[in-house]
Amino acid sequence: MPNEDDIIDVFLGSYASLAIPFIILAIIFLLSRRVRQLSRLPERAVAIVAFLLVWEAAVRTGLSYPAPIPAPSRIFEGLVVIIRLEKFWEHALTSIGRVLLGYALALAVAVPLGFAVGWFETVERFLDPLLQTIRQIPQFALYPVFILFLGVGELPKTLLIMLAAVWWILLNTITAVKNIDPALIKMARSMGASQWDLVWKITVPASIRTIVTGMRYASTEVVLALMTVEMMGSFKGLGLLLGTPHYWEVLFFMTILGVIANYLLVTLERRLNKGYG
């Protein structure tokens, strides 16, 4: 028969990790320097904490049976273990590098092309039918084609990640440029503004917020593309780890990275709203 100390140890071992998300939230709360953000933090955290608690309760009471879903506390424990491993960070940094490179290429292609299509009617007439046709092709179905022509190295993976992001940014850029108030353009031209001034001083400030919104949507797409290419054929990366017993820990880690990326872009969007509002 287990004694009282053993029962207490089991209880603490099972439920102590539930405190992890609360500790994280408390640290963020205490370190925040802005009173306005402090007042909003509990509201923003309620839904997440409630979701985790319901998940935890469902698993521990057997409501999730027979699905082999672990409790969030177990996942957090496993995540703390694997992020201490050097090999894990080799996979993580490889995936992050692929995402950043593909995302940067998407920006380099989509923003200039979007401005050209949105600003010049001739460019739009020639390119829009082609762009709309290519956009209908299932992106992930192109991966075998990329491998056929480019091999199994990093290039086809990077191109697919780029392709996943480019459409959101491109379409938002085109929309932003085309929706600029014509009165602003006429007023600037009447005052002798050059073509460069129209683009740099009017078009860019008026379009940047919509472009950043497209970047936020694209950030989700690049993660989906990353997982596809790494699960279909890769020797290193977080997608490869999804096929291991650490599936849930890796999934949580990727979710945290996605949340961080989203809030960085949200912060950028808010700064631009203040700067150009």
Protein backbone atom coordinates (compact mmCIF):
# COMPACT_ATOMS: atom_id res chain seq x y z
CA MET A 1 0.00 0.00 0.00
CA PRO A 2 1.43 3.39 -0.93
CA ASN A 3 1.92 5.70 2.01
CA GLU A 4 0.75 9.29 2.26
CA ASP A 5 4.05 10.72 1.01
CA ASP A 6 3.92 8.56 -2.11
CA ILE A 7 0.40 9.72 -2.87
CA ILE A 8 1.44 13.34 -2.48
CA ASP A 9 4.47 12.82 -4.75
CA VAL A 10 2.30 11.25 -7.44
CA PHE A 11 -0.21 14.08 -7.18
CA LEU A 12 2.46 16.74 -7.43
CA GLY A 13 4.24 14.96 -10.26
CA SER A 14 1.04 14.72 -12.25
CA TYR A 15 -0.26 18.22 -11.76
CA ALA A 16 2.74 20.43 -11.06
CA SER A 17 3.36 20.94 -14.76
CA LEU A 18 -0.08 22.50 -15.04
CA ALA A 19 1.52 25.54 -13.46
CA ILE A 20 3.88 26.03 -16.41
CA PRO A 21 1.51 28.05 -18.63
CA PHE A 22 0.42 30.11 -15.62
CA ILE A 23 4.04 30.80 -14.66
CA ILE A 24 4.80 31.91 -18.23
CA LEU A 25 1.80 34.23 -18.23
CA ALA A 26 2.79 35.60 -14.82
CA ILE A 27 6.32 36.36 -15.99
CA ILE A 28 5.02 38.17 -19.08
CA PHE A 29 2.58 40.04 -16.86
CA LEU A 30 5.27 41.16 -14.39
CA LEU A 31 7.87 42.08 -17.01
CA SER A 32 5.52 44.14 -19.14
CA ARG A 33 6.21 47.87 -18.81
CA ARG A 34 3.07 49.21 -20.37
CA VAL A 35 0.05 49.64 -18.15
CA ARG A 36 -2.31 49.37 -21.08
CA GLN A 37 -0.84 46.01 -22.10
CA LEU A 38 -0.96 44.85 -18.47
CA SER A 39 -4.70 45.50 -18.31
CA ARG A 40 -5.34 43.61 -21.54
CA LEU A 41 -3.13 40.58 -20.89
CA PRO A 42 -5.55 38.64 -18.64
CA GLU A 43 -8.33 39.07 -21.21
CA ARG A 44 -6.10 37.77 -24.00
CA ALA A 45 -4.98 34.80 -21.90
CA VAL A 46 -8.40 33.63 -20.74
CA ALA A 47 -9.33 31.68 -23.86
CA ILE A 48 -5.94 29.95 -24.10
CA VAL A 49 -5.86 28.97 -20.44
CA ALA A 50 -9.47 27.78 -20.55
CA PHE A 51 -8.75 25.68 -23.64
CA LEU A 52 -5.73 24.06 -21.98
CA LEU A 53 -7.66 23.34 -18.79
CA VAL A 54 -10.56 21.75 -20.68
CA TRP A 55 -8.09 19.67 -22.67
CA GLU A 56 -6.31 18.59 -19.49
CA ALA A 57 -9.57 17.66 -17.78
CA ALA A 58 -10.85 15.76 -20.82
CA VAL A 59 -7.73 13.59 -20.96
CA ARG A 60 -7.51 12.93 -17.22
CA THR A 61 -11.20 12.05 -16.89
CA GLY A 62 -11.07 9.70 -19.88
CA LEU A 63 -13.32 11.75 -22.17
CA SER A 64 -10.71 11.60 -24.94
CA TYR A 65 -10.57 7.79 -24.90
CA PRO A 66 -9.69 5.89 -27.10
CA ALA A 67 -7.78 8.66 -28.90
CA PRO A 68 -4.14 8.60 -27.68
CA ILE A 69 -4.04 12.32 -26.92
CA PRO A 70 -1.68 13.34 -24.09
CA ALA A 71 -2.56 16.00 -21.56
CA PRO A 72 -1.06 19.48 -22.05
CA SER A 73 0.91 19.07 -18.81
CA ARG A 74 2.63 15.97 -20.24
CA ILE A 75 3.33 17.78 -23.49
CA PHE A 76 4.89 20.73 -21.67
CA GLU A 77 7.06 18.34 -19.66
CA GLY A 78 8.24 16.63 -22.84
CA LEU A 79 8.84 19.96 -24.53
CA VAL A 80 11.07 21.12 -21.68
CA VAL A 81 13.08 17.92 -22.12
CA ILE A 82 13.55 18.01 -25.89
CA ILE A 83 14.43 21.71 -26.18
CA ARG A 84 17.50 20.96 -24.06
CA LEU A 85 18.80 18.61 -26.74
CA GLU A 86 21.34 19.97 -29.21
CA LYS A 87 20.02 17.68 -31.93
CA PHE A 88 16.54 19.16 -31.57
CA TRP A 89 17.89 22.63 -32.22
CA GLU A 90 19.69 21.40 -35.32
CA HIS A 91 16.32 20.38 -36.72
CA ALA A 92 14.62 23.55 -35.46
CA LEU A 93 17.21 25.93 -36.91
CA THR A 94 17.10 24.11 -40.23
CA SER A 95 13.33 24.59 -40.45
CA ILE A 96 13.51 28.21 -39.33
CA GLY A 97 16.18 28.90 -41.95
CA ARG A 98 14.04 27.38 -44.68
CA VAL A 99 11.04 29.44 -43.65
CA LEU A 100 12.99 32.70 -43.47
CA LEU A 101 14.62 32.14 -46.85
CA GLY A 102 11.38 31.16 -48.58
CA TYR A 103 9.53 34.04 -46.94
CA ALA A 104 12.22 36.55 -47.94
CA LEU A 105 12.12 35.33 -51.55
CA ALA A 106 8.33 35.65 -51.54
CA LEU A 107 8.61 39.26 -50.39
CA ALA A 108 11.29 40.01 -52.97
CA VAL A 109 9.06 38.67 -55.75
CA ALA A 110 5.55 39.59 -54.61
CA VAL A 111 5.96 43.21 -53.50
CA PRO A 112 7.65 44.61 -56.67
CA LEU A 113 5.42 42.50 -58.91
CA GLY A 114 2.32 43.57 -56.99
CA PHE A 115 3.21 47.24 -57.36
CA ALA A 116 3.85 46.78 -61.09
CA VAL A 117 0.56 44.97 -61.70
CA GLY A 118 -1.44 47.33 -59.50
CA TRP A 119 0.08 50.54 -60.85
CA PHE A 120 0.49 49.89 -64.58
CA GLU A 121 -2.65 48.85 -66.47
CA THR A 122 -0.60 47.45 -69.35
CA VAL A 123 1.31 45.14 -67.02
CA GLU A 124 -1.97 44.02 -65.46
CA ARG A 125 -3.53 43.20 -68.83
CA PHE A 126 -0.61 41.01 -69.82
CA LEU A 127 0.25 39.33 -66.53
CA ASP A 128 -3.04 38.99 -64.67
CA PRO A 129 -4.38 36.07 -66.80
CA LEU A 130 -1.11 34.19 -66.33
CA LEU A 131 -0.97 34.88 -62.59
CA GLN A 132 -4.58 33.81 -62.09
CA THR A 133 -3.94 30.58 -64.01
CA ILE A 134 -0.79 29.69 -62.06
CA ARG A 135 -2.54 30.50 -58.79
CA GLN A 136 -5.10 27.74 -59.41
CA ILE A 137 -2.45 25.03 -59.58
CA PRO A 138 -2.32 23.04 -56.30
CA GLN A 139 0.93 24.17 -54.74
CA PHE A 140 1.90 20.95 -53.03
CA ALA A 141 1.32 19.00 -56.24
CA LEU A 142 4.25 20.90 -57.74
CA TYR A 143 6.76 19.47 -55.30
CA PRO A 144 7.44 16.30 -57.36
CA VAL A 145 7.88 18.52 -60.42
CA PHE A 146 10.39 20.69 -58.58
CA ILE A 147 12.29 17.57 -57.49
CA LEU A 148 12.28 16.23 -61.05
CA PHE A 149 13.91 19.36 -62.46
CA LEU A 150 15.89 20.63 -59.46
CA GLY A 151 16.81 17.49 -57.54
CA VAL A 152 16.18 16.64 -53.90
CA GLY A 153 18.24 19.42 -52.32
CA GLU A 154 17.14 22.62 -50.60
CA LEU A 155 16.10 24.51 -53.73
CA PRO A 156 12.77 22.71 -54.39
CA LYS A 157 11.85 22.99 -50.71
CA THR A 158 12.62 26.70 -50.67
CA LEU A 159 10.66 27.32 -53.86
CA LEU A 160 7.56 25.58 -52.54
CA ILE A 161 7.73 27.57 -49.31
CA MET A 162 8.14 30.75 -51.36
CA LEU A 163 5.19 29.81 -53.57
CA ALA A 164 3.01 29.23 -50.51
CA ALA A 165 3.68 32.75 -49.26
CA VAL A 166 3.86 34.70 -52.48
CA TRP A 167 0.17 34.71 -53.39
CA TRP A 168 -1.11 36.29 -50.18
CA ILE A 169 1.50 39.03 -50.36
CA LEU A 170 1.10 39.55 -54.10
CA LEU A 171 -2.70 39.80 -54.09
CA ASN A 172 -2.74 42.10 -51.07
CA THR A 173 -0.13 44.33 -52.68
CA ILE A 174 -2.11 44.55 -55.92
CA THR A 175 -5.31 45.29 -54.02
CA ALA A 176 -3.62 47.95 -51.90
CA VAL A 177 -2.14 49.76 -54.88
CA LYS A 178 -5.34 49.67 -56.92
CA ASN A 179 -7.45 50.95 -54.00
CA ILE A 180 -5.45 54.13 -53.43
CA ASP A 181 -7.69 57.18 -53.48
CA PRO A 182 -7.48 58.65 -57.03
CA ALA A 183 -7.94 62.12 -55.56
CA LEU A 184 -4.56 61.82 -53.84
CA ILE A 185 -2.89 60.91 -57.12
CA LYS A 186 -4.55 63.80 -58.99
CA MET A 187 -3.64 66.25 -56.25
CA ALA A 188 -0.01 65.11 -56.22
CA ARG A 189 0.25 65.32 -60.01
CA SER A 190 -1.28 68.80 -60.02
CA MET A 191 1.47 69.85 -57.64
CA GLY A 192 4.16 68.56 -60.01
CA ALA A 193 4.97 65.27 -58.30
CA SER A 194 7.12 62.92 -60.34
CA GLN A 195 6.32 59.27 -60.96
CA TRP A 196 8.85 58.31 -58.31
CA ASP A 197 7.24 60.68 -55.80
CA LEU A 198 3.82 59.20 -56.51
CA VAL A 199 5.10 55.70 -55.83
CA TRP A 200 7.37 56.39 -52.86
CA LYS A 201 5.51 59.17 -51.04
CA ILE A 202 1.89 58.18 -51.70
CA THR A 203 1.56 54.61 -52.95
CA VAL A 204 3.93 52.97 -50.49
CA PRO A 205 2.57 54.63 -47.31
CA ALA A 206 -1.01 53.98 -48.39
CA SER A 207 -0.32 50.33 -49.25
CA ILE A 208 2.03 49.16 -46.54
CA ARG A 209 -0.60 48.21 -43.96
CA THR A 210 -2.49 45.99 -46.42
CA ILE A 211 0.78 44.38 -47.48
CA VAL A 212 1.62 43.56 -43.86
CA THR A 213 -1.81 41.96 -43.49
CA GLY A 214 -0.94 39.73 -46.45
CA MET A 215 2.36 38.92 -44.77
CA ARG A 216 0.47 37.74 -41.68
CA TYR A 217 -1.66 35.37 -43.73
CA ALA A 218 1.41 34.19 -45.63
CA SER A 219 3.23 33.34 -42.40
CA THR A 220 0.70 30.56 -41.78
CA GLU A 221 0.99 29.22 -45.31
CA VAL A 222 4.77 28.93 -45.16
CA VAL A 223 4.54 26.73 -42.07
CA LEU A 224 2.10 24.39 -43.85
CA ALA A 225 4.42 24.24 -46.84
CA LEU A 226 7.41 23.61 -44.58
CA MET A 227 5.74 20.64 -42.92
CA THR A 228 4.76 19.21 -46.30
CA VAL A 229 8.23 19.34 -47.83
CA GLU A 230 9.93 18.07 -44.69
CA MET A 231 7.53 15.18 -44.20
CA MET A 232 7.64 14.21 -47.89
CA GLY A 233 11.39 14.16 -48.20
CA SER A 234 13.94 15.64 -45.84
CA PHE A 235 16.80 14.45 -43.67
CA LYS A 236 16.51 17.28 -41.17
CA GLY A 237 13.78 19.59 -39.91
CA LEU A 238 10.86 19.81 -37.51
CA GLY A 239 8.56 18.18 -40.04
CA LEU A 240 10.74 15.10 -39.88
CA LEU A 241 10.34 15.02 -36.08
CA LEU A 242 6.56 14.91 -36.45
CA GLY A 243 7.03 11.27 -37.43
CA THR A 244 8.64 10.46 -34.07
CA PRO A 245 7.21 9.86 -30.58
CA HIS A 246 7.81 13.58 -29.93
CA TYR A 247 4.97 14.55 -32.28
CA TRP A 248 2.98 16.57 -29.74
CA GLU A 249 5.99 18.36 -28.30
CA VAL A 250 7.15 19.41 -31.78
CA LEU A 251 3.62 20.49 -32.67
CA PHE A 252 3.45 22.69 -29.57
CA PHE A 253 6.87 24.15 -30.30
CA MET A 254 5.84 25.04 -33.84
CA THR A 255 2.63 26.59 -32.54
CA ILE A 256 4.63 28.80 -30.18
CA LEU A 257 6.88 29.91 -33.04
CA GLY A 258 3.82 30.68 -35.15
CA VAL A 259 2.27 32.76 -32.38
CA ILE A 260 5.51 34.71 -31.95
CA ALA A 261 5.74 35.39 -35.69
CA ASN A 262 2.11 36.49 -35.83
CA TYR A 263 2.49 38.92 -32.94
CA LEU A 264 5.67 40.38 -34.41
CA LEU A 265 3.74 41.14 -37.59
CA VAL A 266 0.78 42.46 -35.56
CA THR A 267 3.18 44.79 -33.75
CA LEU A 268 4.61 45.93 -37.09
CA GLU A 269 1.11 46.53 -38.42
CA ARG A 270 0.18 48.63 -35.36
CA ARG A 271 3.35 50.68 -35.64
CA LEU A 272 2.58 51.36 -39.29
CA ASN A 273 -0.98 52.31 -38.42
CA LYS A 274 0.38 54.90 -35.99
CA GLY A 275 3.05 56.08 -38.42
CA TYR A 276 0.80 56.40 -41.47
CA GLY A 277 -2.57 56.75 -39.78
